Amino acid sequence: MEESAADRARDGAGDLTEAAEVFTSLRPRLFGIAYRMLSSAAEAEDLVQEVWLRWQATDRTAVVNPAAFLATTTTRLAINALRSARVRRETYVGPWLPEPVDTGADPYLGAERDEALEFAALLLMERLTPHERAAYVLREAFDYPYARIADILRSTEPAVRQLVSRARRHMTEQRRTPVSPAAQRELLATFVAAARSGDLAELERLFAADVTNIADGNGRVGVSRRRLVGVARVAKYLAAIRWFWDGVEVRWASTNGRTSAVLWRGGEVYGLLTVSASTEGIDQVLWMVNPEKNAAVPAAA
């Protein structure tokens, strides 16, 4: 008996429902891959939406492994998007910092572990090639086998091993061992108190010798457009802008697997402040105060 139009419509609706269920179950992992590649929650959301559209249009009966198919699509799109993003950032005003992502509900963002998620790690990964970054993210955060990564990158297993090795070497050489999340939270709280009061001696005590102050404002009035390096220089700068804290309310949030201070002024989010630290002290003070990125700042707990 010939299938009616109504029967075909029901079958199609059922198939799409199943496709949506599969996609929804894998979405945290897809977003986690996209975010680690692009360092932007907004761009990662857009990319995952594009993956969903492609999944809808795909002949899913020919897909043996949906998880592999969707991860492959996400990674390849992210490599292309990363190349475009780097071209756009050439016109950025002042330092560029990753856009924060809320990890209050999912501290690993769909990954096996929170590797390649902290701001310090994301900044270092900006120096990797797109393929090195993809291989590193898939291996270190999601524990993908080398053979699977080779399929995703249209490469060979030996070549992928070299990509991961180079990326690991770069990350290890450039980055100190971070303190625990609890220690980072305590250092941030102490730093905020010292900055509010303009306590120069306390600020100097908290800092590593090569501490760097970086503010991402993309030309925002009143935001420094230069990186400041060194204990004395950073401490004096922060003590000199004690006025900044007038009328600022601080709320705490979990972003990128660590604690951040959400800065509220005049009833709206001004931006986000956090620190990265090692056993030597705070080595980075990061201000994300570009208004266009504030949509990604958590409401804060």
Protein backbone atom coordinates (compact mmCIF):
# COMPACT_ATOMS: atom_id res chain seq x y z
CA MET A 1 0.00 0.00 0.00
CA GLU A 2 1.32 3.42 -0.97
CA GLU A 3 2.28 5.68 1.95
CA SER A 4 0.02 8.72 2.28
CA ALA A 5 1.18 12.32 2.59
CA ALA A 6 -0.03 12.34 6.20
CA ASP A 7 2.02 9.22 6.98
CA ARG A 8 5.12 10.77 5.41
CA ALA A 9 4.59 13.96 7.40
CA ARG A 10 4.32 11.99 10.65
CA ASP A 11 7.46 10.02 9.80
CA GLY A 12 9.28 13.24 9.01
CA ALA A 13 8.21 14.86 12.26
CA GLY A 14 9.27 11.78 14.20
CA ASP A 15 12.65 11.73 12.47
CA LEU A 16 13.24 15.41 13.23
CA THR A 17 12.26 14.89 16.86
CA GLU A 18 14.80 12.08 17.12
CA ALA A 19 17.41 14.27 15.42
CA ALA A 20 16.72 17.06 17.93
CA GLU A 21 17.06 14.66 20.87
CA VAL A 22 20.42 13.42 19.59
CA PHE A 23 21.66 16.95 19.01
CA THR A 24 20.46 18.22 22.40
CA SER A 25 22.22 15.39 24.21
CA LEU A 26 25.51 16.28 22.47
CA ARG A 27 25.11 20.05 22.54
CA PRO A 28 27.21 20.72 25.70
CA ARG A 29 30.15 18.94 24.11
CA LEU A 30 29.72 20.75 20.78
CA PHE A 31 29.55 24.12 22.54
CA GLY A 32 32.59 23.18 24.63
CA ILE A 33 34.62 22.44 21.50
CA ALA A 34 33.47 25.62 19.74
CA TYR A 35 34.12 27.86 22.74
CA ARG A 36 37.63 26.53 23.33
CA MET A 37 38.41 27.09 19.67
CA LEU A 38 36.96 30.60 19.41
CA SER A 39 37.24 32.00 22.97
CA SER A 40 33.82 33.60 22.49
CA ALA A 41 30.55 32.38 23.95
CA ALA A 42 28.52 34.35 21.41
CA GLU A 43 30.48 33.03 18.42
CA ALA A 44 30.34 29.50 19.82
CA GLU A 45 26.54 29.74 20.14
CA ASP A 46 26.27 30.91 16.54
CA LEU A 47 28.50 28.09 15.35
CA VAL A 48 26.54 25.42 17.23
CA GLN A 49 23.35 26.78 15.68
CA GLU A 50 24.94 26.37 12.25
CA VAL A 51 25.82 22.78 13.13
CA TRP A 52 22.18 22.17 14.05
CA LEU A 53 21.02 23.52 10.69
CA ARG A 54 23.47 21.26 8.90
CA TRP A 55 22.34 18.29 10.99
CA GLN A 56 18.74 18.97 9.97
CA ALA A 57 19.70 19.06 6.28
CA THR A 58 21.88 15.93 6.44
CA ASP A 59 20.75 12.50 5.26
CA ARG A 60 20.92 11.11 8.78
CA THR A 61 20.22 7.55 7.65
CA ALA A 62 23.73 7.55 6.20
CA VAL A 63 25.35 8.72 9.45
CA VAL A 64 26.73 5.75 11.37
CA ASN A 65 27.99 7.71 14.38
CA PRO A 66 26.06 10.97 15.07
CA ALA A 67 28.42 12.04 17.87
CA ALA A 68 31.45 11.72 15.58
CA PHE A 69 29.67 13.47 12.72
CA LEU A 70 28.59 16.43 14.86
CA ALA A 71 31.98 16.82 16.56
CA THR A 72 33.69 16.73 13.17
CA THR A 73 31.34 19.36 11.74
CA THR A 74 31.81 21.59 14.79
CA THR A 75 35.60 21.37 14.72
CA ARG A 76 35.94 22.04 11.00
CA LEU A 77 33.59 25.02 11.15
CA ALA A 78 35.49 26.32 14.20
CA ILE A 79 38.82 26.15 12.36
CA ASN A 80 37.40 28.29 9.56
CA ALA A 81 35.73 30.68 12.02
CA LEU A 82 38.97 31.06 13.99
CA ARG A 83 40.84 32.18 10.89
CA SER A 84 38.19 34.83 10.21
CA ALA A 85 38.14 35.94 13.85
CA ARG A 86 41.89 36.55 13.86
CA VAL A 87 41.58 38.80 10.83
CA ARG A 88 38.83 40.82 12.56
CA ARG A 89 40.91 41.21 15.72
CA GLU A 90 43.62 43.03 13.78
CA THR A 91 41.46 46.16 14.02
CA TYR A 92 40.69 45.73 17.73
CA VAL A 93 41.47 48.78 19.89
CA GLY A 94 43.81 47.82 22.73
CA PRO A 95 44.33 44.33 24.16
CA TRP A 96 41.90 41.56 23.26
CA LEU A 97 40.76 39.06 25.90
CA PRO A 98 38.58 35.95 25.62
CA GLU A 99 34.86 36.44 26.12
CA PRO A 100 33.87 34.84 29.46
CA VAL A 101 31.63 31.81 29.65
CA ASP A 102 29.45 30.86 32.63
CA THR A 103 30.64 27.60 34.18
CA GLY A 104 28.37 27.79 37.21
CA ALA A 105 26.20 24.89 36.02
CA ASP A 106 28.71 22.95 33.92
CA PRO A 107 32.29 23.48 35.18
CA TYR A 108 33.73 21.45 32.30
CA LEU A 109 31.43 22.60 29.47
CA GLY A 110 30.75 19.12 28.19
CA ALA A 111 34.36 17.98 28.39
CA GLU A 112 36.11 15.19 30.25
CA ARG A 113 37.95 17.86 32.25
CA ASP A 114 38.30 21.63 32.35
CA GLU A 115 41.52 21.73 30.35
CA ALA A 116 41.87 24.58 27.82
CA LEU A 117 39.14 26.58 29.54
CA GLU A 118 40.84 29.03 31.92
CA PHE A 119 41.56 32.52 30.59
CA ALA A 120 45.32 32.02 30.85
CA ALA A 121 45.12 28.86 28.74
CA LEU A 122 42.85 30.48 26.15
CA LEU A 123 45.27 33.37 25.77
CA LEU A 124 48.18 31.00 25.20
CA MET A 125 46.18 29.00 22.65
CA GLU A 126 45.81 32.16 20.56
CA ARG A 127 49.43 31.57 19.57
CA LEU A 128 48.76 28.08 18.23
CA THR A 129 47.83 27.38 14.63
CA PRO A 130 44.14 26.52 14.13
CA HIS A 131 44.98 22.84 13.59
CA GLU A 132 47.29 22.73 16.62
CA ARG A 133 44.56 24.29 18.70
CA ALA A 134 41.92 21.86 17.46
CA ALA A 135 44.15 18.84 18.09
CA TYR A 136 45.07 20.09 21.55
CA VAL A 137 41.47 20.84 22.54
CA LEU A 138 40.13 17.49 21.32
CA ARG A 139 42.90 15.53 23.00
CA GLU A 140 43.43 17.40 26.27
CA ALA A 141 39.88 18.47 27.12
CA PHE A 142 37.80 15.74 25.47
CA ASP A 143 40.26 12.83 25.48
CA TYR A 144 39.62 11.94 21.82
CA PRO A 145 41.82 9.13 20.45
CA TYR A 146 44.50 10.26 18.02
CA ALA A 147 42.93 8.25 15.23
CA ARG A 148 39.59 10.03 15.72
CA ILE A 149 41.28 13.44 15.71
CA ALA A 150 43.08 12.48 12.50
CA ASP A 151 39.72 11.75 10.85
CA ILE A 152 38.31 15.07 12.02
CA LEU A 153 41.30 17.05 10.77
CA ARG A 154 41.67 15.01 7.55
CA SER A 155 45.18 14.13 8.64
CA THR A 156 47.21 11.11 9.77
CA GLU A 157 47.69 9.80 13.28
CA PRO A 158 51.47 10.55 13.35
CA ALA A 159 50.81 14.11 12.14
CA VAL A 160 48.17 14.62 14.83
CA ARG A 161 50.54 13.34 17.51
CA GLN A 162 53.03 15.97 16.37
CA LEU A 163 50.37 18.69 16.48
CA VAL A 164 49.42 17.78 20.04
CA SER A 165 53.06 17.49 21.10
CA ARG A 166 53.92 20.94 19.74
CA ALA A 167 50.86 22.46 21.38
CA ARG A 168 51.60 20.83 24.74
CA ARG A 169 55.20 22.00 24.59
CA HIS A 170 54.15 25.56 23.88
CA MET A 171 51.55 25.57 26.64
CA THR A 172 53.95 24.05 29.18
CA GLU A 173 56.83 26.38 28.35
CA GLN A 174 54.72 29.51 28.55
CA ARG A 175 52.47 28.75 31.51
CA ARG A 176 53.13 28.30 35.22
CA THR A 177 51.23 25.70 37.22
CA PRO A 178 48.01 27.43 38.35
CA VAL A 179 46.85 27.47 41.96
CA SER A 180 43.73 25.59 43.00
CA PRO A 181 40.28 27.12 42.38
CA ALA A 182 39.89 27.77 46.11
CA ALA A 183 43.26 29.57 46.30
CA GLN A 184 42.43 31.61 43.19
CA ARG A 185 39.11 32.65 44.72
CA GLU A 186 40.82 33.78 47.92
CA LEU A 187 43.49 35.72 46.01
CA LEU A 188 40.83 37.46 43.91
CA ALA A 189 38.83 38.49 46.98
CA THR A 190 41.97 39.81 48.69
CA PHE A 191 42.98 41.64 45.52
CA VAL A 192 39.59 43.34 45.16
CA ALA A 193 39.72 44.50 48.79
CA ALA A 194 43.24 45.89 48.34
CA ALA A 195 42.36 47.61 45.05
CA ARG A 196 39.25 49.18 46.61
CA SER A 197 41.24 50.61 49.49
CA GLY A 198 44.26 51.57 47.40
CA ASP A 199 46.54 49.49 49.65
CA LEU A 200 49.77 49.67 47.66
CA ALA A 201 51.75 47.39 49.98
CA GLU A 202 49.09 44.69 49.97
CA LEU A 203 48.82 44.78 46.19
CA GLU A 204 52.58 44.40 45.83
CA ARG A 205 52.53 41.46 48.25
CA LEU A 206 49.94 39.63 46.12
CA PHE A 207 51.76 39.94 42.80
CA ALA A 208 54.27 37.74 41.00
CA ALA A 209 57.34 39.63 39.78
CA ASP A 210 56.13 39.79 36.17
CA VAL A 211 52.46 40.44 36.90
CA THR A 212 50.56 41.84 33.91
CA ASN A 213 47.47 44.05 33.98
CA ILE A 214 45.34 43.67 30.84
CA ALA A 215 42.11 45.55 30.13
CA ASP A 216 39.86 44.67 27.17
CA GLY A 217 37.66 47.68 26.40
CA ASN A 218 37.98 47.93 22.59
CA GLY A 219 38.33 51.71 22.86
CA ARG A 220 35.98 52.25 25.81
CA VAL A 221 36.54 55.64 27.45
CA GLY A 222 38.56 55.43 30.65
CA VAL A 223 39.99 51.97 29.92
CA SER A 224 43.74 51.54 29.58
CA ARG A 225 44.79 50.49 26.08
CA ARG A 226 48.22 49.25 27.12
CA ARG A 227 49.40 46.21 29.02
CA LEU A 228 51.13 47.10 32.26
CA VAL A 229 53.90 44.77 33.44
CA GLY A 230 55.75 44.53 36.75
CA VAL A 231 54.84 44.72 40.44
CA ALA A 232 55.56 48.40 41.03
CA ARG A 233 53.96 49.62 37.82
CA VAL A 234 50.76 47.58 38.18
CA ALA A 235 50.37 48.31 41.90
CA LYS A 236 50.84 52.07 41.43
CA TYR A 237 48.34 52.11 38.56
CA LEU A 238 45.70 50.27 40.58
CA ALA A 239 46.25 52.46 43.62
CA ALA A 240 45.92 55.55 41.41
CA ILE A 241 42.51 54.47 40.07
CA ARG A 242 41.01 53.88 43.49
CA TRP A 243 38.27 56.28 42.35
CA PHE A 244 37.06 53.61 39.92
CA TRP A 245 35.49 51.64 42.77
CA ASP A 246 33.14 54.43 43.85
CA GLY A 247 29.60 53.14 43.32
CA VAL A 248 30.79 49.72 42.12
CA GLU A 249 29.05 46.63 43.48
CA VAL A 250 30.94 43.34 43.28
CA ARG A 251 29.15 40.04 42.76
CA TRP A 252 30.88 36.69 42.42
CA ALA A 253 30.45 34.27 39.54
CA SER A 254 32.04 31.11 38.15
CA THR A 255 33.51 31.77 34.72
CA ASN A 256 35.87 29.52 32.79
CA GLY A 257 36.18 27.20 35.77
CA ARG A 258 37.41 29.90 38.15
CA THR A 259 35.93 32.72 40.25
CA SER A 260 35.38 36.15 38.71
CA ALA A 261 34.10 39.43 40.09
CA VAL A 262 31.13 40.84 38.18
CA LEU A 263 31.31 44.62 38.42
CA TRP A 264 27.98 46.45 38.63
CA ARG A 265 27.66 50.21 38.36
CA GLY A 266 24.48 52.26 38.04
CA GLY A 267 22.27 49.18 38.03
CA GLU A 268 23.99 47.49 35.09
CA VAL A 269 27.00 45.29 34.42
CA TYR A 270 30.16 47.31 33.81
CA GLY A 271 32.29 44.25 33.16
CA LEU A 272 34.17 41.34 34.65
CA LEU A 273 37.40 41.19 36.65
CA THR A 274 39.45 38.11 37.45
CA VAL A 275 43.01 37.02 38.19
CA SER A 276 45.16 34.07 37.29
CA ALA A 277 47.83 32.96 39.72
CA SER A 278 50.58 30.46 40.44
CA THR A 279 52.54 29.72 43.61
CA GLU A 280 54.52 32.89 42.84
CA GLY A 281 51.40 35.03 43.19
CA ILE A 282 48.95 36.76 40.88
CA ASP A 283 50.51 36.85 37.40
CA GLN A 284 47.58 38.28 35.43
CA VAL A 285 44.91 40.84 36.30
CA LEU A 286 42.25 40.65 33.60
CA TRP A 287 39.54 43.25 33.03
CA MET A 288 36.83 42.30 30.50
CA VAL A 289 35.03 45.62 30.14
CA ASN A 290 34.11 45.76 26.45
CA PRO A 291 30.36 46.59 26.53
CA GLU A 292 29.76 44.35 23.50
CA LYS A 293 30.99 41.37 25.51
CA ASN A 294 28.90 42.08 28.62
CA ALA A 295 26.04 39.92 27.31
CA ALA A 296 28.29 36.95 28.08
CA VAL A 297 28.89 38.03 31.69
CA PRO A 298 26.88 35.85 34.12
CA ALA A 299 24.20 37.50 36.21
CA ALA A 300 26.31 36.33 39.20
CA ALA A 301 25.38 34.40 42.29
